[in-house]
Amino acid sequence: WFEVVLPNFVLRKTARLPEELGQKAATTIEKLRLFNDSKVRFTRWLWYKRHWNNGDPLIDLLEKDAPLVAAAVRKARAAGEPLPDPNDCLPDHRVKKRNRLYVRRDARNKDTAEIPTTGPQGVP
């Protein structure tokens, strides 16, 4: 129902996907971030690079780790297309800033009793 496109490692739907499941498949891909997320594309590229073997990808091993990438390699070979060198087709891989919502420490303790500023027996 899906295929990976070389050299950018994007996932796309094929014509074999039943029309009645199209929306459900699109929602699943979107929720799981499998379509065009940079992390997913980078992971596919890593599998491809790991099994590159100097231009002769190890299809059996690639099939176990990334079957859709292996299918894309087979399709490119069958069409007589040259396989992209993983060193030349590194996908964009950005680390996204995480927005964390922290509450200031003094704001968390407003409702609690004040912490003493001196130690045992009045020693600061």
PDB file of N, CA and C in Angstrom:
ATOM      1  N   TRP A   1       0.810  -1.201   0.000  1.00  0.00           N
ATOM      2  CA  TRP A   1       0.000   0.000   0.000  1.00  0.00           C
ATOM      3  C   TRP A   1       0.853   1.264   0.000  1.00  0.00           C
ATOM      4  N   PHE A   2       2.094   1.126   0.474  1.00  0.00           N
ATOM      5  CA  PHE A   2       3.004   2.269   0.551  1.00  0.00           C
ATOM      6  C   PHE A   2       4.329   1.904  -0.069  1.00  0.00           C
ATOM      7  N   GLU A   3       5.077   2.941  -0.435  1.00  0.00           N
ATOM      8  CA  GLU A   3       6.420   2.738  -0.945  1.00  0.00           C
ATOM      9  C   GLU A   3       7.301   3.901  -0.517  1.00  0.00           C
ATOM     10  N   VAL A   4       8.597   3.617  -0.455  1.00  0.00           N
ATOM     11  CA  VAL A   4       9.585   4.649  -0.141  1.00  0.00           C
ATOM     12  C   VAL A   4      10.193   5.097  -1.453  1.00  0.00           C
ATOM     13  N   VAL A   5      10.377   6.392  -1.585  1.00  0.00           N
ATOM     14  CA  VAL A   5      10.932   6.970  -2.805  1.00  0.00           C
ATOM     15  C   VAL A   5      12.396   7.319  -2.559  1.00  0.00           C
ATOM     16  N   LEU A   6      13.263   6.821  -3.432  1.00  0.00           N
ATOM     17  CA  LEU A   6      14.680   7.185  -3.371  1.00  0.00           C
ATOM     18  C   LEU A   6      14.888   8.413  -4.238  1.00  0.00           C
ATOM     19  N   PRO A   7      15.742   9.319  -3.945  1.00  0.00           N
ATOM     20  CA  PRO A   7      16.755   9.351  -2.913  1.00  0.00           C
ATOM     21  C   PRO A   7      16.341  10.110  -1.651  1.00  0.00           C
ATOM     22  N   ASN A   8      15.102  10.600  -1.582  1.00  0.00           N
ATOM     23  CA  ASN A   8      14.735  11.420  -0.416  1.00  0.00           C
ATOM     24  C   ASN A   8      14.075  10.627   0.712  1.00  0.00           C
ATOM     25  N   PHE A   9      13.805   9.334   0.507  1.00  0.00           N
ATOM     26  CA  PHE A   9      13.292   8.424   1.530  1.00  0.00           C
ATOM     27  C   PHE A   9      11.936   8.848   2.102  1.00  0.00           C
ATOM     28  N   VAL A  10      11.123   9.445   1.256  1.00  0.00           N
ATOM     29  CA  VAL A  10       9.767   9.841   1.643  1.00  0.00           C
ATOM     30  C   VAL A  10       8.827   8.663   1.403  1.00  0.00           C
ATOM     31  N   LEU A  11       7.877   8.487   2.303  1.00  0.00           N
ATOM     32  CA  LEU A  11       6.869   7.439   2.162  1.00  0.00           C
ATOM     33  C   LEU A  11       5.685   8.002   1.390  1.00  0.00           C
ATOM     34  N   ARG A  12       5.179   7.225   0.433  1.00  0.00           N
ATOM     35  CA  ARG A  12       3.983   7.684  -0.281  1.00  0.00           C
ATOM     36  C   ARG A  12       3.039   6.515  -0.510  1.00  0.00           C
ATOM     37  N   LYS A  13       1.766   6.856  -0.694  1.00  0.00           N
ATOM     38  CA  LYS A  13       0.742   5.838  -0.955  1.00  0.00           C
ATOM     39  C   LYS A  13       0.860   5.374  -2.400  1.00  0.00           C
ATOM     40  N   THR A  14       0.490   4.126  -2.623  1.00  0.00           N
ATOM     41  CA  THR A  14       0.480   3.605  -3.985  1.00  0.00           C
ATOM     42  C   THR A  14      -0.967   3.438  -4.442  1.00  0.00           C
ATOM     43  N   ALA A  15      -1.129   3.085  -5.703  1.00  0.00           N
ATOM     44  CA  ALA A  15      -2.464   2.868  -6.257  1.00  0.00           C
ATOM     45  C   ALA A  15      -3.102   1.600  -5.690  1.00  0.00           C
ATOM     46  N   ARG A  16      -2.309   0.730  -5.067  1.00  0.00           N
ATOM     47  CA  ARG A  16      -2.844  -0.513  -4.494  1.00  0.00           C
ATOM     48  C   ARG A  16      -3.598  -0.285  -3.189  1.00  0.00           C
ATOM     49  N   LEU A  17      -3.475   0.890  -2.605  1.00  0.00           N
ATOM     50  CA  LEU A  17      -4.187   1.196  -1.358  1.00  0.00           C
ATOM     51  C   LEU A  17      -5.677   1.302  -1.662  1.00  0.00           C
ATOM     52  N   PRO A  18      -6.513   0.477  -1.016  1.00  0.00           N
ATOM     53  CA  PRO A  18      -7.957   0.544  -1.266  1.00  0.00           C
ATOM     54  C   PRO A  18      -8.501   1.935  -0.928  1.00  0.00           C
ATOM     55  N   GLU A  19      -9.368   2.420  -1.777  1.00  0.00           N
ATOM     56  CA  GLU A  19      -9.904   3.774  -1.623  1.00  0.00           C
ATOM     57  C   GLU A  19     -10.626   3.957  -0.291  1.00  0.00           C
ATOM     58  N   GLU A  20     -11.329   2.921   0.174  1.00  0.00           N
ATOM     59  CA  GLU A  20     -12.078   3.043   1.429  1.00  0.00           C
ATOM     60  C   GLU A  20     -11.149   3.134   2.653  1.00  0.00           C
ATOM     61  N   LEU A  21      -9.892   2.740   2.501  1.00  0.00           N
ATOM     62  CA  LEU A  21      -8.939   2.825   3.606  1.00  0.00           C
ATOM     63  C   LEU A  21      -7.991   4.015   3.483  1.00  0.00           C
ATOM     64  N   GLY A  22      -8.169   4.794   2.442  1.00  0.00           N
ATOM     65  CA  GLY A  22      -7.268   5.923   2.182  1.00  0.00           C
ATOM     66  C   GLY A  22      -7.199   6.920   3.320  1.00  0.00           C
ATOM     67  N   GLN A  23      -8.347   7.346   3.834  1.00  0.00           N
ATOM     68  CA  GLN A  23      -8.363   8.335   4.909  1.00  0.00           C
ATOM     69  C   GLN A  23      -7.793   7.762   6.198  1.00  0.00           C
ATOM     70  N   LYS A  24      -8.119   6.524   6.494  1.00  0.00           N
ATOM     71  CA  LYS A  24      -7.604   5.877   7.703  1.00  0.00           C
ATOM     72  C   LYS A  24      -6.079   5.738   7.622  1.00  0.00           C
ATOM     73  N   ALA A  25      -5.579   5.353   6.466  1.00  0.00           N
ATOM     74  CA  ALA A  25      -4.137   5.229   6.268  1.00  0.00           C
ATOM     75  C   ALA A  25      -3.448   6.584   6.396  1.00  0.00           C
ATOM     76  N   ALA A  26      -4.050   7.614   5.825  1.00  0.00           N
ATOM     77  CA  ALA A  26      -3.471   8.961   5.914  1.00  0.00           C
ATOM     78  C   ALA A  26      -3.411   9.444   7.357  1.00  0.00           C
ATOM     79  N   THR A  27      -4.474   9.176   8.116  1.00  0.00           N
ATOM     80  CA  THR A  27      -4.502   9.570   9.524  1.00  0.00           C
ATOM     81  C   THR A  27      -3.444   8.815  10.320  1.00  0.00           C
ATOM     82  N   THR A  28      -3.314   7.525  10.056  1.00  0.00           N
ATOM     83  CA  THR A  28      -2.317   6.714  10.763  1.00  0.00           C
ATOM     84  C   THR A  28      -0.910   7.217  10.476  1.00  0.00           C
ATOM     85  N   ILE A  29      -0.619   7.474   9.214  1.00  0.00           N
ATOM     86  CA  ILE A  29       0.700   7.972   8.832  1.00  0.00           C
ATOM     87  C   ILE A  29       0.982   9.326   9.480  1.00  0.00           C
ATOM     88  N   GLU A  30      -0.030  10.172   9.514  1.00  0.00           N
ATOM     89  CA  GLU A  30       0.140  11.499  10.113  1.00  0.00           C
ATOM     90  C   GLU A  30       0.384  11.396  11.620  1.00  0.00           C
ATOM     91  N   LYS A  31      -0.416  10.592  12.300  1.00  0.00           N
ATOM     92  CA  LYS A  31      -0.282  10.450  13.759  1.00  0.00           C
ATOM     93  C   LYS A  31       1.056   9.837  14.151  1.00  0.00           C
ATOM     94  N   LEU A  32       1.513   8.862  13.381  1.00  0.00           N
ATOM     95  CA  LEU A  32       2.784   8.201  13.685  1.00  0.00           C
ATOM     96  C   LEU A  32       3.986   8.929  13.088  1.00  0.00           C
ATOM     97  N   ARG A  33       3.724   9.993  12.350  1.00  0.00           N
ATOM     98  CA  ARG A  33       4.774  10.804  11.706  1.00  0.00           C
ATOM     99  C   ARG A  33       5.663   9.959  10.796  1.00  0.00           C
ATOM    100  N   LEU A  34       5.043   9.149   9.974  1.00  0.00           N
ATOM    101  CA  LEU A  34       5.784   8.256   9.091  1.00  0.00           C
ATOM    102  C   LEU A  34       5.969   8.816   7.690  1.00  0.00           C
ATOM    103  N   PHE A  35       5.259   9.874   7.347  1.00  0.00           N
ATOM    104  CA  PHE A  35       5.265  10.335   5.969  1.00  0.00           C
ATOM    105  C   PHE A  35       6.524  11.107   5.612  1.00  0.00           C
ATOM    106  N   ASN A  36       6.702  12.272   6.177  1.00  0.00           N
ATOM    107  CA  ASN A  36       7.787  13.143   5.749  1.00  0.00           C
ATOM    108  C   ASN A  36       8.519  13.742   6.931  1.00  0.00           C
ATOM    109  N   ASP A  37       8.414  13.128   8.086  1.00  0.00           N
ATOM    110  CA  ASP A  37       9.104  13.616   9.268  1.00  0.00           C
ATOM    111  C   ASP A  37      10.606  13.418   9.088  1.00  0.00           C
ATOM    112  N   SER A  38      11.400  14.407   9.463  1.00  0.00           N
ATOM    113  CA  SER A  38      12.842  14.318   9.230  1.00  0.00           C
ATOM    114  C   SER A  38      13.476  13.157   9.999  1.00  0.00           C
ATOM    115  N   LYS A  39      12.963  12.849  11.179  1.00  0.00           N
ATOM    116  CA  LYS A  39      13.514  11.728  11.950  1.00  0.00           C
ATOM    117  C   LYS A  39      13.297  10.402  11.231  1.00  0.00           C
ATOM    118  N   VAL A  40      12.124  10.221  10.691  1.00  0.00           N
ATOM    119  CA  VAL A  40      11.795   8.973  10.001  1.00  0.00           C
ATOM    120  C   VAL A  40      12.605   8.847   8.713  1.00  0.00           C
ATOM    121  N   ARG A  41      12.699   9.929   7.972  1.00  0.00           N
ATOM    122  CA  ARG A  41      13.490   9.902   6.743  1.00  0.00           C
ATOM    123  C   ARG A  41      14.955   9.633   7.052  1.00  0.00           C
ATOM    124  N   PHE A  42      15.462  10.235   8.117  1.00  0.00           N
ATOM    125  CA  PHE A  42      16.849  10.022   8.516  1.00  0.00           C
ATOM    126  C   PHE A  42      17.068   8.562   8.917  1.00  0.00           C
ATOM    127  N   THR A  43      16.108   7.971   9.619  1.00  0.00           N
ATOM    128  CA  THR A  43      16.229   6.564  10.023  1.00  0.00           C
ATOM    129  C   THR A  43      16.253   5.652   8.804  1.00  0.00           C
ATOM    130  N   ARG A  44      15.400   5.920   7.820  1.00  0.00           N
ATOM    131  CA  ARG A  44      15.406   5.116   6.585  1.00  0.00           C
ATOM    132  C   ARG A  44      16.752   5.243   5.879  1.00  0.00           C
ATOM    133  N   TRP A  45      17.262   6.479   5.834  1.00  0.00           N
ATOM    134  CA  TRP A  45      18.557   6.716   5.210  1.00  0.00           C
ATOM    135  C   TRP A  45      19.659   5.951   5.952  1.00  0.00           C
ATOM    136  N   LEU A  46      19.601   5.941   7.300  1.00  0.00           N
ATOM    137  CA  LEU A  46      20.608   5.215   8.086  1.00  0.00           C
ATOM    138  C   LEU A  46      20.614   3.723   7.754  1.00  0.00           C
ATOM    139  N   TRP A  47      19.419   3.125   7.635  1.00  0.00           N
ATOM    140  CA  TRP A  47      19.350   1.711   7.263  1.00  0.00           C
ATOM    141  C   TRP A  47      19.952   1.497   5.880  1.00  0.00           C
ATOM    142  N   TYR A  48      19.624   2.391   4.971  1.00  0.00           N
ATOM    143  CA  TYR A  48      20.159   2.297   3.605  1.00  0.00           C
ATOM    144  C   TYR A  48      21.676   2.401   3.634  1.00  0.00           C
ATOM    145  N   LYS A  49      22.199   3.366   4.362  1.00  0.00           N
ATOM    146  CA  LYS A  49      23.652   3.564   4.438  1.00  0.00           C
ATOM    147  C   LYS A  49      24.329   2.378   5.118  1.00  0.00           C
ATOM    148  N   ARG A  50      23.707   1.855   6.153  1.00  0.00           N
ATOM    149  CA  ARG A  50      24.288   0.737   6.902  1.00  0.00           C
ATOM    150  C   ARG A  50      24.479  -0.491   6.009  1.00  0.00           C
ATOM    151  N   HIS A  51      23.592  -0.684   5.050  1.00  0.00           N
ATOM    152  CA  HIS A  51      23.668  -1.855   4.176  1.00  0.00           C
ATOM    153  C   HIS A  51      24.135  -1.489   2.763  1.00  0.00           C
ATOM    154  N   TRP A  52      24.776  -0.340   2.603  1.00  0.00           N
ATOM    155  CA  TRP A  52      25.189   0.178   1.293  1.00  0.00           C
ATOM    156  C   TRP A  52      26.192  -0.740   0.610  1.00  0.00           C
ATOM    157  N   ASN A  53      27.209  -1.195   1.303  1.00  0.00           N
ATOM    158  CA  ASN A  53      28.188  -2.148   0.780  1.00  0.00           C
ATOM    159  C   ASN A  53      28.833  -1.666  -0.521  1.00  0.00           C
ATOM    160  N   ASN A  54      29.279  -0.419  -0.536  1.00  0.00           N
ATOM    161  CA  ASN A  54      29.988   0.175  -1.691  1.00  0.00           C
ATOM    162  C   ASN A  54      29.223   0.062  -3.008  1.00  0.00           C
ATOM    163  N   GLY A  55      27.954   0.356  -2.971  1.00  0.00           N
ATOM    164  CA  GLY A  55      27.156   0.381  -4.194  1.00  0.00           C
ATOM    165  C   GLY A  55      26.386  -0.893  -4.494  1.00  0.00           C
ATOM    166  N   ASP A  56      26.568  -1.909  -3.702  1.00  0.00           N
ATOM    167  CA  ASP A  56      25.836  -3.157  -3.883  1.00  0.00           C
ATOM    168  C   ASP A  56      25.118  -3.484  -2.571  1.00  0.00           C
ATOM    169  N   PRO A  57      23.968  -2.837  -2.317  1.00  0.00           N
ATOM    170  CA  PRO A  57      23.286  -3.009  -1.030  1.00  0.00           C
ATOM    171  C   PRO A  57      22.989  -4.467  -0.718  1.00  0.00           C
ATOM    172  N   LEU A  58      23.144  -4.793   0.545  1.00  0.00           N
ATOM    173  CA  LEU A  58      22.853  -6.145   1.021  1.00  0.00           C
ATOM    174  C   LEU A  58      21.340  -6.262   1.216  1.00  0.00           C
ATOM    175  N   ILE A  59      20.658  -6.660   0.160  1.00  0.00           N
ATOM    176  CA  ILE A  59      19.198  -6.666   0.135  1.00  0.00           C
ATOM    177  C   ILE A  59      18.600  -7.564   1.210  1.00  0.00           C
ATOM    178  N   ASP A  60      19.180  -8.722   1.447  1.00  0.00           N
ATOM    179  CA  ASP A  60      18.626  -9.641   2.453  1.00  0.00           C
ATOM    180  C   ASP A  60      18.601  -9.005   3.835  1.00  0.00           C
ATOM    181  N   LEU A  61      19.688  -8.349   4.205  1.00  0.00           N
ATOM    182  CA  LEU A  61      19.746  -7.694   5.506  1.00  0.00           C
ATOM    183  C   LEU A  61      18.866  -6.453   5.542  1.00  0.00           C
ATOM    184  N   LEU A  62      18.860  -5.708   4.450  1.00  0.00           N
ATOM    185  CA  LEU A  62      18.021  -4.511   4.372  1.00  0.00           C
ATOM    186  C   LEU A  62      16.544  -4.884   4.457  1.00  0.00           C
ATOM    187  N   GLU A  63      16.193  -6.003   3.870  1.00  0.00           N
ATOM    188  CA  GLU A  63      14.808  -6.497   3.910  1.00  0.00           C
ATOM    189  C   GLU A  63      14.355  -6.752   5.346  1.00  0.00           C
ATOM    190  N   LYS A  64      15.253  -7.267   6.182  1.00  0.00           N
ATOM    191  CA  LYS A  64      14.910  -7.526   7.582  1.00  0.00           C
ATOM    192  C   LYS A  64      14.761  -6.236   8.383  1.00  0.00           C
ATOM    193  N   ASP A  65      15.614  -5.258   8.104  1.00  0.00           N
ATOM    194  CA  ASP A  65      15.617  -4.018   8.879  1.00  0.00           C
ATOM    195  C   ASP A  65      14.649  -2.964   8.348  1.00  0.00           C
ATOM    196  N   ALA A  66      14.571  -2.831   7.041  1.00  0.00           N
ATOM    197  CA  ALA A  66      13.738  -1.788   6.428  1.00  0.00           C
ATOM    198  C   ALA A  66      13.152  -2.319   5.122  1.00  0.00           C
ATOM    199  N   PRO A  67      12.068  -3.084   5.202  1.00  0.00           N
ATOM    200  CA  PRO A  67      11.535  -3.730   3.994  1.00  0.00           C
ATOM    201  C   PRO A  67      11.088  -2.756   2.905  1.00  0.00           C
ATOM    202  N   LEU A  68      10.561  -1.606   3.271  1.00  0.00           N
ATOM    203  CA  LEU A  68      10.130  -0.658   2.226  1.00  0.00           C
ATOM    204  C   LEU A  68      11.324  -0.031   1.516  1.00  0.00           C
ATOM    205  N   VAL A  69      12.405   0.180   2.227  1.00  0.00           N
ATOM    206  CA  VAL A  69      13.622   0.692   1.587  1.00  0.00           C
ATOM    207  C   VAL A  69      14.193  -0.378   0.663  1.00  0.00           C
ATOM    208  N   ALA A  70      14.181  -1.626   1.109  1.00  0.00           N
ATOM    209  CA  ALA A  70      14.650  -2.723   0.260  1.00  0.00           C
ATOM    210  C   ALA A  70      13.805  -2.821  -1.016  1.00  0.00           C
ATOM    211  N   ALA A  71      12.509  -2.642  -0.883  1.00  0.00           N
ATOM    212  CA  ALA A  71      11.631  -2.671  -2.065  1.00  0.00           C
ATOM    213  C   ALA A  71      11.962  -1.521  -3.011  1.00  0.00           C
ATOM    214  N   ALA A  72      12.301  -0.358  -2.463  1.00  0.00           N
ATOM    215  CA  ALA A  72      12.674   0.783  -3.304  1.00  0.00           C
ATOM    216  C   ALA A  72      13.979   0.505  -4.052  1.00  0.00           C
ATOM    217  N   VAL A  73      14.911  -0.166  -3.398  1.00  0.00           N
ATOM    218  CA  VAL A  73      16.178  -0.525  -4.050  1.00  0.00           C
ATOM    219  C   VAL A  73      15.909  -1.520  -5.176  1.00  0.00           C
ATOM    220  N   ARG A  74      15.082  -2.523  -4.898  1.00  0.00           N
ATOM    221  CA  ARG A  74      14.737  -3.501  -5.942  1.00  0.00           C
ATOM    222  C   ARG A  74      14.062  -2.829  -7.144  1.00  0.00           C
ATOM    223  N   LYS A  75      13.142  -1.911  -6.853  1.00  0.00           N
ATOM    224  CA  LYS A  75      12.421  -1.210  -7.915  1.00  0.00           C
ATOM    225  C   LYS A  75      13.382  -0.375  -8.764  1.00  0.00           C
ATOM    226  N   ALA A  76      14.318   0.299  -8.121  1.00  0.00           N
ATOM    227  CA  ALA A  76      15.285   1.118  -8.861  1.00  0.00           C
ATOM    228  C   ALA A  76      16.185   0.236  -9.730  1.00  0.00           C
ATOM    229  N   ARG A  77      16.604  -0.889  -9.177  1.00  0.00           N
ATOM    230  CA  ARG A  77      17.436  -1.815  -9.962  1.00  0.00           C
ATOM    231  C   ARG A  77      16.675  -2.372 -11.163  1.00  0.00           C
ATOM    232  N   ALA A  78      15.409  -2.736 -10.943  1.00  0.00           N
ATOM    233  CA  ALA A  78      14.598  -3.295 -12.039  1.00  0.00           C
ATOM    234  C   ALA A  78      14.389  -2.276 -13.145  1.00  0.00           C
ATOM    235  N   ALA A  79      14.305  -1.003 -12.775  1.00  0.00           N
ATOM    236  CA  ALA A  79      14.104   0.057 -13.770  1.00  0.00           C
ATOM    237  C   ALA A  79      15.420   0.508 -14.397  1.00  0.00           C
ATOM    238  N   GLY A  80      16.529  -0.064 -13.906  1.00  0.00           N
ATOM    239  CA  GLY A  80      17.835   0.312 -14.451  1.00  0.00           C
ATOM    240  C   GLY A  80      18.324   1.665 -13.962  1.00  0.00           C
ATOM    241  N   GLU A  81      17.729   2.164 -12.900  1.00  0.00           N
ATOM    242  CA  GLU A  81      18.136   3.457 -12.354  1.00  0.00           C
ATOM    243  C   GLU A  81      19.335   3.278 -11.431  1.00  0.00           C
ATOM    244  N   PRO A  82      20.244   4.245 -11.434  1.00  0.00           N
ATOM    245  CA  PRO A  82      21.378   4.141 -10.508  1.00  0.00           C
ATOM    246  C   PRO A  82      20.899   4.381  -9.071  1.00  0.00           C
ATOM    247  N   LEU A  83      21.481   3.650  -8.148  1.00  0.00           N
ATOM    248  CA  LEU A  83      21.128   3.825  -6.746  1.00  0.00           C
ATOM    249  C   LEU A  83      21.844   5.050  -6.186  1.00  0.00           C
ATOM    250  N   PRO A  84      21.140   5.838  -5.387  1.00  0.00           N
ATOM    251  CA  PRO A  84      21.786   7.030  -4.827  1.00  0.00           C
ATOM    252  C   PRO A  84      22.848   6.654  -3.798  1.00  0.00           C
ATOM    253  N   ASP A  85      23.961   7.357  -3.852  1.00  0.00           N
ATOM    254  CA  ASP A  85      25.022   7.155  -2.866  1.00  0.00           C
ATOM    255  C   ASP A  85      24.564   7.772  -1.554  1.00  0.00           C
ATOM    256  N   PRO A  86      24.562   7.017  -0.452  1.00  0.00           N
ATOM    257  CA  PRO A  86      24.070   7.566   0.810  1.00  0.00           C
ATOM    258  C   PRO A  86      24.892   8.749   1.309  1.00  0.00           C
ATOM    259  N   ASN A  87      26.136   8.861   0.852  1.00  0.00           N
ATOM    260  CA  ASN A  87      26.959   9.996   1.262  1.00  0.00           C
ATOM    261  C   ASN A  87      26.565  11.279   0.542  1.00  0.00           C
ATOM    262  N   ASP A  88      25.845  11.146  -0.567  1.00  0.00           N
ATOM    263  CA  ASP A  88      25.414  12.310  -1.337  1.00  0.00           C
ATOM    264  C   ASP A  88      23.960  12.686  -1.105  1.00  0.00           C
ATOM    265  N   CYS A  89      23.192  11.817  -0.452  1.00  0.00           N
ATOM    266  CA  CYS A  89      21.757  12.079  -0.329  1.00  0.00           C
ATOM    267  C   CYS A  89      21.312  12.111   1.130  1.00  0.00           C
ATOM    268  N   LEU A  90      22.150  12.641   2.000  1.00  0.00           N
ATOM    269  CA  LEU A  90      21.796  12.750   3.412  1.00  0.00           C
ATOM    270  C   LEU A  90      20.555  13.617   3.561  1.00  0.00           C
ATOM    271  N   PRO A  91      19.476  13.067   4.120  1.00  0.00           N
ATOM    272  CA  PRO A  91      18.269  13.873   4.281  1.00  0.00           C
ATOM    273  C   PRO A  91      18.462  14.934   5.359  1.00  0.00           C
ATOM    274  N   ASP A  92      17.670  15.955   5.265  1.00  0.00           N
ATOM    275  CA  ASP A  92      17.709  17.028   6.244  1.00  0.00           C
ATOM    276  C   ASP A  92      17.371  16.448   7.612  1.00  0.00           C
ATOM    277  N   HIS A  93      18.249  16.640   8.558  1.00  0.00           N
ATOM    278  CA  HIS A  93      18.024  16.091   9.904  1.00  0.00           C
ATOM    279  C   HIS A  93      18.241  17.212  10.909  1.00  0.00           C
ATOM    280  N   ARG A  94      17.154  17.741  11.393  1.00  0.00           N
ATOM    281  CA  ARG A  94      17.221  18.836  12.360  1.00  0.00           C
ATOM    282  C   ARG A  94      16.697  18.364  13.701  1.00  0.00           C
ATOM    283  N   VAL A  95      17.324  18.837  14.737  1.00  0.00           N
ATOM    284  CA  VAL A  95      16.821  18.574  16.074  1.00  0.00           C
ATOM    285  C   VAL A  95      15.857  19.700  16.396  1.00  0.00           C
ATOM    286  N   LYS A  96      14.642  19.335  16.717  1.00  0.00           N
ATOM    287  CA  LYS A  96      13.626  20.341  16.992  1.00  0.00           C
ATOM    288  C   LYS A  96      13.680  20.766  18.450  1.00  0.00           C
ATOM    289  N   LYS A  97      13.476  22.039  18.643  1.00  0.00           N
ATOM    290  CA  LYS A  97      13.462  22.588  19.984  1.00  0.00           C
ATOM    291  C   LYS A  97      12.240  22.057  20.722  1.00  0.00           C
ATOM    292  N   ARG A  98      12.461  21.653  21.961  1.00  0.00           N
ATOM    293  CA  ARG A  98      11.353  21.176  22.779  1.00  0.00           C
ATOM    294  C   ARG A  98      10.893  22.302  23.678  1.00  0.00           C
ATOM    295  N   ASN A  99       9.609  22.544  23.685  1.00  0.00           N
ATOM    296  CA  ASN A  99       9.040  23.571  24.547  1.00  0.00           C
ATOM    297  C   ASN A  99       8.575  22.929  25.843  1.00  0.00           C
ATOM    298  N   ARG A 100       9.385  23.082  26.857  1.00  0.00           N
ATOM    299  CA  ARG A 100       9.028  22.517  28.148  1.00  0.00           C
ATOM    300  C   ARG A 100       8.355  23.583  28.989  1.00  0.00           C
ATOM    301  N   LEU A 101       7.379  23.165  29.706  1.00  0.00           N
ATOM    302  CA  LEU A 101       6.646  24.085  30.563  1.00  0.00           C
ATOM    303  C   LEU A 101       7.063  23.833  32.003  1.00  0.00           C
ATOM    304  N   TYR A 102       7.949  24.675  32.468  1.00  0.00           N
ATOM    305  CA  TYR A 102       8.414  24.551  33.837  1.00  0.00           C
ATOM    306  C   TYR A 102       7.717  25.592  34.700  1.00  0.00           C
ATOM    307  N   VAL A 103       7.479  25.229  35.913  1.00  0.00           N
ATOM    308  CA  VAL A 103       6.947  26.174  36.879  1.00  0.00           C
ATOM    309  C   VAL A 103       8.117  26.587  37.746  1.00  0.00           C
ATOM    310  N   ARG A 104       8.243  27.871  37.963  1.00  0.00           N
ATOM    311  CA  ARG A 104       9.354  28.338  38.793  1.00  0.00           C
ATOM    312  C   ARG A 104       9.287  27.696  40.165  1.00  0.00           C
ATOM    313  N   ARG A 105      10.443  27.381  40.712  1.00  0.00           N
ATOM    314  CA  ARG A 105      10.514  26.699  41.996  1.00  0.00           C
ATOM    315  C   ARG A 105       9.820  27.497  43.090  1.00  0.00           C
ATOM    316  N   ASP A 106      10.006  28.798  43.114  1.00  0.00           N
ATOM    317  CA  ASP A 106       9.375  29.594  44.163  1.00  0.00           C
ATOM    318  C   ASP A 106       7.854  29.641  43.982  1.00  0.00           C
ATOM    319  N   ALA A 107       7.376  29.492  42.743  1.00  0.00           N
ATOM    320  CA  ALA A 107       5.932  29.492  42.504  1.00  0.00           C
ATOM    321  C   ALA A 107       5.301  28.184  42.979  1.00  0.00           C
ATOM    322  N   ARG A 108       6.051  27.087  42.942  1.00  0.00           N
ATOM    323  CA  ARG A 108       5.518  25.803  43.395  1.00  0.00           C
ATOM    324  C   ARG A 108       5.350  25.761  44.907  1.00  0.00           C
ATOM    325  N   ASN A 109       6.156  26.509  45.633  1.00  0.00           N
ATOM    326  CA  ASN A 109       6.171  26.420  47.085  1.00  0.00           C
ATOM    327  C   ASN A 109       5.351  27.503  47.772  1.00  0.00           C
ATOM    328  N   LYS A 110       4.543  28.250  47.056  1.00  0.00           N
ATOM    329  CA  LYS A 110       3.772  29.342  47.656  1.00  0.00           C
ATOM    330  C   LYS A 110       2.801  28.845  48.717  1.00  0.00           C
ATOM    331  N   ASP A 111       2.168  27.709  48.467  1.00  0.00           N
ATOM    332  CA  ASP A 111       1.156  27.222  49.396  1.00  0.00           C
ATOM    333  C   ASP A 111       1.743  26.400  50.538  1.00  0.00           C
ATOM    334  N   THR A 112       3.012  26.082  50.473  1.00  0.00           N
ATOM    335  CA  THR A 112       3.619  25.278  51.529  1.00  0.00           C
ATOM    336  C   THR A 112       4.232  26.184  52.589  1.00  0.00           C
ATOM    337  N   ALA A 113       4.521  25.601  53.719  1.00  0.00           N
ATOM    338  CA  ALA A 113       5.135  26.373  54.804  1.00  0.00           C
ATOM    339  C   ALA A 113       6.507  26.840  54.367  1.00  0.00           C
ATOM    340  N   GLU A 114       6.912  27.973  54.887  1.00  0.00           N
ATOM    341  CA  GLU A 114       8.199  28.526  54.512  1.00  0.00           C
ATOM    342  C   GLU A 114       9.324  27.630  55.035  1.00  0.00           C
ATOM    343  N   ILE A 115      10.325  27.439  54.203  1.00  0.00           N
ATOM    344  CA  ILE A 115      11.452  26.591  54.575  1.00  0.00           C
ATOM    345  C   ILE A 115      12.351  27.389  55.509  1.00  0.00           C
ATOM    346  N   PRO A 116      12.762  26.808  56.645  1.00  0.00           N
ATOM    347  CA  PRO A 116      13.624  27.548  57.569  1.00  0.00           C
ATOM    348  C   PRO A 116      14.970  27.854  56.938  1.00  0.00           C
ATOM    349  N   THR A 117      15.486  29.019  57.258  1.00  0.00           N
ATOM    350  CA  THR A 117      16.755  29.437  56.687  1.00  0.00           C
ATOM    351  C   THR A 117      17.930  29.077  57.584  1.00  0.00           C
ATOM    352  N   THR A 118      17.659  28.551  58.734  1.00  0.00           N
ATOM    353  CA  THR A 118      18.749  28.155  59.619  1.00  0.00           C
ATOM    354  C   THR A 118      18.720  26.665  59.821  1.00  0.00           C
ATOM    355  N   GLY A 119      19.867  26.101  60.148  1.00  0.00           N
ATOM    356  CA  GLY A 119      19.975  24.676  60.356  1.00  0.00           C
ATOM    357  C   GLY A 119      19.582  24.298  61.775  1.00  0.00           C
ATOM    358  N   PRO A 120      19.983  23.131  62.241  1.00  0.00           N
ATOM    359  CA  PRO A 120      19.655  22.699  63.592  1.00  0.00           C
ATOM    360  C   PRO A 120      20.277  23.630  64.632  1.00  0.00           C
ATOM    361  N   GLN A 121      19.546  23.864  65.671  1.00  0.00           N
ATOM    362  CA  GLN A 121      19.948  24.688  66.797  1.00  0.00           C
ATOM    363  C   GLN A 121      20.263  26.131  66.389  1.00  0.00           C
ATOM    364  N   GLY A 122      19.608  26.622  65.359  1.00  0.00           N
ATOM    365  CA  GLY A 122      19.730  28.010  64.955  1.00  0.00           C
ATOM    366  C   GLY A 122      21.005  28.354  64.228  1.00  0.00           C
ATOM    367  N   VAL A 123      21.802  27.387  63.808  1.00  0.00           N
ATOM    368  CA  VAL A 123      23.035  27.652  63.079  1.00  0.00           C
ATOM    369  C   VAL A 123      22.701  27.867  61.611  1.00  0.00           C
ATOM    370  N   PRO A 124      23.158  29.006  61.019  1.00  0.00           N
ATOM    371  CA  PRO A 124      22.833  29.254  59.601  1.00  0.00           C
ATOM    372  C   PRO A 124      23.528  28.328  58.668  1.00  0.00           C
TER     373      PRO A 124
END
